[in-house]
N, C-alpha and C. Protein backbone atom coordinates (compact mmCIF):
# COMPACT_ATOMS: atom_id res chain seq x y z
N MET A 1 5.88 -2.88 24.65
CA MET A 1 7.35 -2.20 24.51
C MET A 1 8.10 -1.20 25.87
N GLU A 2 6.41 -1.28 27.12
CA GLU A 2 7.41 -1.10 27.84
C GLU A 2 8.57 -1.17 28.91
N SER A 3 8.55 -2.79 27.74
CA SER A 3 9.48 -3.18 28.63
C SER A 3 10.83 -2.98 28.05
N LEU A 4 11.47 -2.37 27.25
CA LEU A 4 12.43 -1.91 26.07
C LEU A 4 12.97 -0.93 26.61
N THR A 5 14.98 -0.37 26.75
CA THR A 5 14.77 0.42 26.96
C THR A 5 14.81 0.81 26.51
N ALA A 6 15.65 2.19 26.50
CA ALA A 6 15.66 3.38 25.06
C ALA A 6 16.11 2.29 24.10
N ALA A 7 17.32 2.01 23.80
CA ALA A 7 18.04 2.30 22.93
C ALA A 7 17.24 0.58 21.95
N GLU A 8 16.52 -0.09 22.43
CA GLU A 8 15.39 -1.23 22.67
C GLU A 8 15.03 -0.43 21.50
N GLN A 9 13.48 0.96 22.24
CA GLN A 9 12.71 1.17 21.45
C GLN A 9 13.56 1.78 20.21
N ARG A 10 14.08 2.79 20.19
CA ARG A 10 14.49 2.82 19.41
C ARG A 10 15.66 1.92 17.78
N GLU A 11 15.63 0.95 18.03
CA GLU A 11 15.88 0.04 17.54
C GLU A 11 14.55 -0.88 16.32
N PHE A 12 14.27 -1.49 17.48
CA PHE A 12 12.37 -1.35 16.98
C PHE A 12 11.14 -0.34 16.07
N GLN A 13 11.93 1.04 16.28
CA GLN A 13 10.75 1.86 15.66
C GLN A 13 12.04 2.27 14.70
N SER A 14 12.86 1.78 14.10
CA SER A 14 13.98 1.87 12.85
C SER A 14 13.21 1.10 12.23
N ARG A 15 13.76 -0.55 12.70
CA ARG A 15 12.93 -1.17 12.06
C ARG A 15 11.71 -1.63 11.96
N MET A 16 10.78 -1.18 12.13
CA MET A 16 9.52 -0.96 11.20
C MET A 16 9.31 -0.01 10.48
N GLU A 17 10.16 1.20 11.05
CA GLU A 17 10.63 2.16 9.34
C GLU A 17 11.29 1.36 8.74
N ARG A 18 11.82 0.98 8.06
CA ARG A 18 12.54 0.46 7.29
C ARG A 18 11.20 -1.00 6.52
N LYS A 19 10.75 -1.51 7.94
CA LYS A 19 10.18 -2.13 7.34
C LYS A 19 7.91 -2.16 6.33
N GLN A 20 8.16 -1.11 6.62
CA GLN A 20 7.45 -0.13 6.31
C GLN A 20 7.12 -0.23 4.95
N MET A 21 8.88 1.13 4.67
CA MET A 21 9.04 1.80 3.60
C MET A 21 9.67 0.52 2.36
N LYS A 22 10.35 -0.65 3.01
CA LYS A 22 10.07 -2.05 1.88
C LYS A 22 8.76 -2.91 1.82
N GLU A 23 7.85 -2.33 1.84
CA GLU A 23 5.88 -2.19 2.06
C GLU A 23 5.72 -1.40 1.16
N PHE A 24 6.23 -0.53 1.95
CA PHE A 24 5.92 0.69 0.27
C PHE A 24 6.44 0.46 -0.93
N MET A 25 7.45 0.24 -1.00
CA MET A 25 7.80 0.29 -1.84
C MET A 25 7.88 -1.08 -3.09
N GLY A 26 7.37 -1.68 -2.54
CA GLY A 26 7.03 -3.18 -2.88
C GLY A 26 5.99 -2.58 -3.53
N MET A 27 4.35 -2.00 -3.10
CA MET A 27 3.19 -1.25 -3.24
C MET A 27 3.80 -1.11 -4.37
N PHE A 28 4.30 0.37 -4.60
CA PHE A 28 4.58 1.91 -5.12
C PHE A 28 4.73 1.15 -6.59
N SER A 29 5.88 -0.83 -6.59
CA SER A 29 6.63 -0.59 -7.78
C SER A 29 5.13 -1.99 -8.71
N GLY A 30 4.44 -2.16 -7.73
CA GLY A 30 3.31 -3.57 -7.98
C GLY A 30 2.36 -2.66 -8.86
N LEU A 31 2.14 -1.09 -8.23
CA LEU A 31 1.02 -0.60 -9.50
C LEU A 31 2.02 0.39 -10.35
N VAL A 32 3.46 0.36 -10.30
CA VAL A 32 3.71 1.05 -11.58
C VAL A 32 3.99 -0.49 -12.33
N ASN A 33 4.72 -1.03 -12.68
CA ASN A 33 4.76 -2.77 -13.24
C ASN A 33 3.37 -2.48 -13.84
N HIS A 34 2.02 -3.06 -13.08
CA HIS A 34 0.83 -3.44 -13.18
C HIS A 34 0.40 -2.27 -14.70
N CYS A 35 0.21 -0.51 -14.08
CA CYS A 35 0.01 0.01 -14.78
C CYS A 35 0.54 0.30 -16.50
N PHE A 36 1.88 0.49 -16.36
CA PHE A 36 3.06 -0.26 -17.53
C PHE A 36 2.07 -0.70 -18.34
N ASP A 37 2.67 -2.04 -17.66
CA ASP A 37 1.85 -3.45 -18.48
C ASP A 37 0.47 -3.07 -19.08
N SER A 38 -0.74 -2.40 -18.43
CA SER A 38 -1.55 -2.45 -18.60
C SER A 38 -2.16 -1.06 -20.11
N CYS A 39 -0.86 -0.19 -19.40
CA CYS A 39 -1.42 0.98 -20.25
C CYS A 39 -1.03 1.41 -21.39
N ILE A 40 1.36 1.06 -21.17
CA ILE A 40 1.20 1.35 -22.25
C ILE A 40 1.97 0.40 -23.56
N ASP A 41 1.65 0.57 -24.82
CA ASP A 41 2.20 0.34 -25.58
C ASP A 41 2.39 0.48 -26.91
N ASP A 42 2.55 2.44 -27.42
CA ASP A 42 3.58 2.61 -27.75
C ASP A 42 4.66 2.86 -27.46
N PHE A 43 5.79 2.60 -28.83
CA PHE A 43 7.05 2.77 -28.17
C PHE A 43 7.83 3.66 -29.55
N THR A 44 6.67 3.92 -30.33
CA THR A 44 7.32 4.97 -31.05
C THR A 44 7.87 6.39 -30.74
N THR A 45 6.93 6.82 -29.84
CA THR A 45 7.61 8.15 -29.02
C THR A 45 7.85 7.99 -27.76
N LYS A 46 8.98 8.90 -27.90
CA LYS A 46 9.83 9.85 -26.15
C LYS A 46 8.38 9.71 -25.70
N SER A 47 8.19 10.02 -24.97
CA SER A 47 6.12 10.40 -24.38
C SER A 47 5.11 10.02 -24.75
N LEU A 48 4.28 9.62 -23.40
CA LEU A 48 3.21 8.22 -23.72
C LEU A 48 2.19 9.62 -24.62
N VAL A 49 1.06 8.86 -25.16
CA VAL A 49 0.18 9.04 -26.43
C VAL A 49 -0.95 9.72 -25.37
N ALA A 50 -1.93 10.47 -25.88
CA ALA A 50 -3.00 10.75 -24.68
C ALA A 50 -3.85 9.75 -24.39
N ARG A 51 -4.05 8.90 -25.02
CA ARG A 51 -5.13 7.48 -24.59
C ARG A 51 -4.32 6.54 -23.49
N GLU A 52 -2.54 6.78 -23.76
CA GLU A 52 -1.68 5.93 -22.24
C GLU A 52 -1.57 7.33 -21.32
N THR A 53 -1.64 8.66 -21.08
CA THR A 53 -1.68 9.44 -19.87
C THR A 53 -3.45 8.97 -19.68
N GLY A 54 -4.16 8.95 -20.20
CA GLY A 54 -5.71 8.54 -19.63
C GLY A 54 -6.08 7.24 -18.55
N CYS A 55 -5.01 5.92 -18.86
CA CYS A 55 -5.65 4.73 -19.24
C CYS A 55 -3.99 5.34 -17.69
N VAL A 56 -3.87 5.40 -17.59
CA VAL A 56 -2.24 5.54 -16.55
C VAL A 56 -3.24 5.34 -15.22
N SER A 57 -4.18 7.48 -15.85
CA SER A 57 -4.63 8.39 -14.52
C SER A 57 -5.75 7.18 -14.51
N ARG A 58 -6.87 6.66 -15.46
CA ARG A 58 -6.96 6.06 -14.78
C ARG A 58 -6.93 4.75 -13.02
N CYS A 59 -5.80 4.40 -14.29
CA CYS A 59 -5.23 2.82 -13.18
C CYS A 59 -5.25 3.54 -12.11
N VAL A 60 -3.76 4.62 -12.28
CA VAL A 60 -4.02 4.76 -10.03
C VAL A 60 -4.83 4.96 -10.30
N LYS A 61 -5.39 5.55 -9.97
CA LYS A 61 -7.26 6.18 -8.96
C LYS A 61 -8.26 5.09 -9.52
N LYS A 62 -7.86 3.89 -9.81
CA LYS A 62 -8.13 3.06 -9.11
C LYS A 62 -7.67 2.10 -7.83
N PHE A 63 -6.40 1.69 -8.38
CA PHE A 63 -5.84 1.45 -7.32
C PHE A 63 -5.72 1.71 -5.81
N MET A 64 -5.64 3.02 -5.70
CA MET A 64 -5.44 3.89 -4.93
C MET A 64 -7.26 4.15 -4.34
N ALA A 65 -8.38 3.81 -5.06
CA ALA A 65 -9.63 3.66 -4.05
C ALA A 65 -9.21 2.00 -4.01
N GLY A 66 -9.12 1.76 -4.44
CA GLY A 66 -9.06 -0.25 -4.05
C GLY A 66 -8.09 0.41 -2.66
N SER A 67 -7.15 0.51 -2.27
CA SER A 67 -6.34 0.63 -1.50
C SER A 67 -7.13 1.28 0.27
N GLU A 68 -7.50 2.60 -0.36
CA GLU A 68 -8.42 3.18 0.44
C GLU A 68 -9.63 2.48 1.14
N ARG A 69 -10.73 1.84 0.24
CA ARG A 69 -11.90 0.38 0.06
C ARG A 69 -11.10 -0.53 1.48
N ILE A 70 -9.86 -0.87 1.05
CA ILE A 70 -9.30 -2.14 1.94
C ILE A 70 -8.91 -1.67 2.91
N GLY A 71 -8.47 -1.05 3.13
CA GLY A 71 -8.11 -0.14 4.19
C GLY A 71 -8.65 0.72 5.02
N ALA A 72 -10.20 0.47 4.81
CA ALA A 72 -11.23 1.16 5.47
C ALA A 72 -11.99 0.19 6.03
N ARG A 73 -12.20 -1.08 4.94
CA ARG A 73 -12.58 -3.30 5.35
C ARG A 73 -11.88 -3.02 6.77
N PHE A 74 -10.34 -3.24 5.95
CA PHE A 74 -9.65 -3.94 7.18
C PHE A 74 -10.24 -3.23 9.06
N GLN A 75 -10.44 -1.76 8.28
CA GLN A 75 -10.74 -0.83 9.75
C GLN A 75 -11.90 -1.40 11.03
N GLU A 76 -12.29 -1.55 9.79
CA GLU A 76 -13.89 -2.27 10.53
C GLU A 76 -13.85 -3.56 10.40
N GLN A 77 -13.23 -4.40 10.70
CA GLN A 77 -12.50 -5.57 10.99
C GLN A 77 -12.16 -5.91 12.17
N GLN A 78 -11.35 -4.76 11.94
CA GLN A 78 -10.02 -4.26 14.43
C GLN A 78 -11.18 -4.21 14.69
N ALA A 79 -12.01 -3.53 14.04
CA ALA A 79 -12.49 -2.70 15.12
C ALA A 79 -14.33 -3.81 15.70
N GLN A 80 -13.83 -4.60 15.09
CA GLN A 80 -15.17 -6.13 15.69
C GLN A 80 -14.73 -6.52 16.35
N MET A 81 -12.74 -6.89 15.77
CA MET A 81 -12.56 -7.59 16.58
C MET A 81 -12.49 -7.12 17.82
N MET A 82 -12.05 -5.65 18.03
CA MET A 82 -11.84 -5.85 19.55
C MET A 82 -12.75 -5.34 20.34
N ASN A 83 -14.18 -5.21 20.11
CA ASN A 83 -15.32 -5.14 20.82
C ASN A 83 -15.53 -6.02 20.70
N GLN A 84 -15.57 -7.65 20.46
CA GLN A 84 -15.89 -9.06 20.54
C GLN A 84 -14.58 -9.66 21.77
N PRO A 85 -15.79 -10.15 22.34
CA PRO A 85 -14.93 -11.39 23.25
C PRO A 85 -14.20 -11.86 23.26
N PRO A 86 -12.66 -12.75 23.35
CA PRO A 86 -12.09 -13.44 23.33
C PRO A 86 -13.10 -14.77 23.36
N PRO A 87 -12.09 -15.77 22.58
CA PRO A 87 -13.08 -17.13 22.41
C PRO A 87 -13.12 -17.91 23.53
N GLY A 88 -13.40 -18.49 24.24
CA GLY A 88 -13.31 -19.15 25.00
C GLY A 88 -14.51 -18.71 26.74
N ARG A 89 -15.28 -17.83 25.73
CA ARG A 89 -15.37 -17.46 27.21
C ARG A 89 -16.61 -16.49 27.58
């Protein structure tokens, strides 16, 4: 990054932000689709029934807990990789 000009650094930052937003929106869309498909099956009322509300809440909590766990494991793996000497040494 040090070899980039200020304009190139801003462009790089902008691209990274767009990429992160796209990834977040994809993950959010996947969560919405999964929880909707898993929990919503009564289309006779305008609002969610209690069972559906509870199911959606559990679905989102489970997804968030899984995401946190994956993130923690990823960080652990990153730390281990940083502490290991490169192969061939």
